[in-house]
Amino acid sequence: MSRVEMMAINDTGFAFDPMSGESFTLNETAVEIIKALKVGKSEREIAEALSELYDVEALDSLTDVLDFIKQLKSFRLVD
């Protein structure tokens, strides 16, 4: 189980990592991405959902999702 799967997140963007004790503030899009990752959605599925939710191009959304996941990896929150 990845650390992001164990994170507690509220709807206002406050996230808590119980493994490290660190907390984070997330924007609305980041909350959506992490919630989707927690239930096992793929990068493409997340991008498609965000594309519809925010009325943006799917390719732009995918780029943003991949960039955010790269950040999560740099914090060792996902594998």
Protein backbone atom coordinates (compact mmCIF):
# COMPACT_ATOMS: atom_id res chain seq x y z
CA MET A 1 0.00 0.00 0.00
CA SER A 2 1.42 3.40 -0.96
CA ARG A 3 1.58 6.29 1.46
CA VAL A 4 -0.96 8.24 -0.60
CA GLU A 5 -3.50 5.45 -0.07
CA MET A 6 -3.20 5.88 3.69
CA MET A 7 -3.42 9.69 3.65
CA ALA A 8 -6.36 11.33 5.32
CA ILE A 9 -7.79 14.11 3.15
CA ASN A 10 -10.67 16.44 3.84
CA ASP A 11 -12.69 18.32 1.23
CA THR A 12 -10.94 21.62 1.94
CA GLY A 13 -7.57 20.24 0.86
CA PHE A 14 -5.93 19.38 4.17
CA ALA A 15 -4.03 16.11 3.85
CA PHE A 16 -2.26 14.16 6.59
CA ASP A 17 0.30 11.40 6.05
CA PRO A 18 0.10 9.13 9.11
CA MET A 19 3.37 7.39 8.26
CA SER A 20 5.50 10.54 8.45
CA GLY A 21 3.27 12.84 10.48
CA GLU A 22 3.51 15.45 7.72
CA SER A 23 0.54 17.49 6.58
CA PHE A 24 -0.06 19.14 3.24
CA THR A 25 -2.43 21.69 1.79
CA LEU A 26 -3.81 20.69 -1.60
CA ASN A 27 -5.76 22.59 -4.19
CA GLU A 28 -9.07 21.26 -5.50
CA THR A 29 -7.49 19.47 -8.45
CA ALA A 30 -4.87 17.78 -6.29
CA VAL A 31 -7.60 16.53 -3.95
CA GLU A 32 -9.44 15.00 -6.92
CA ILE A 33 -6.25 13.33 -8.20
CA ILE A 34 -5.34 11.85 -4.82
CA LYS A 35 -8.88 10.61 -4.19
CA ALA A 36 -8.82 8.90 -7.59
CA LEU A 37 -5.40 7.35 -6.91
CA LYS A 38 -6.66 6.03 -3.58
CA VAL A 39 -9.38 4.02 -5.35
CA GLY A 40 -6.98 2.67 -7.97
CA LYS A 41 -7.81 4.79 -11.01
CA SER A 42 -5.18 5.04 -13.74
CA GLU A 43 -3.55 8.28 -14.84
CA ARG A 44 -5.64 8.25 -18.01
CA GLU A 45 -8.90 7.67 -16.12
CA ILE A 46 -8.06 10.52 -13.76
CA ALA A 47 -7.20 12.83 -16.65
CA GLU A 48 -10.46 12.02 -18.44
CA ALA A 49 -12.49 12.74 -15.32
CA LEU A 50 -10.68 16.03 -14.71
CA SER A 51 -11.08 16.97 -18.36
CA GLU A 52 -14.84 16.64 -18.05
CA LEU A 53 -15.01 18.24 -14.60
CA TYR A 54 -12.99 21.33 -15.54
CA ASP A 55 -13.82 21.46 -19.28
CA VAL A 56 -10.20 21.27 -20.44
CA GLU A 57 -8.51 19.29 -23.22
CA ALA A 58 -7.82 15.67 -22.27
CA LEU A 59 -4.16 15.91 -23.30
CA ASP A 60 -3.62 19.00 -21.13
CA SER A 61 -5.31 17.25 -18.24
CA LEU A 62 -3.13 14.15 -18.70
CA THR A 63 0.01 16.28 -18.70
CA ASP A 64 -1.09 17.94 -15.46
CA VAL A 65 -1.92 14.60 -13.83
CA LEU A 66 1.44 13.12 -14.81
CA ASP A 67 3.27 16.20 -13.50
CA PHE A 68 1.45 15.99 -10.17
CA ILE A 69 2.16 12.27 -9.84
CA LYS A 70 5.82 13.04 -10.52
CA GLN A 71 5.72 15.45 -7.56
CA LEU A 72 4.08 12.79 -5.39
CA LYS A 73 6.88 10.40 -6.34
CA SER A 74 9.50 12.97 -5.37
CA PHE A 75 7.94 13.07 -1.90
CA ARG A 76 7.83 9.24 -1.94
CA LEU A 77 4.05 9.27 -1.53
CA VAL A 78 3.55 6.93 -4.49
CA ASP A 79 5.77 4.29 -6.09
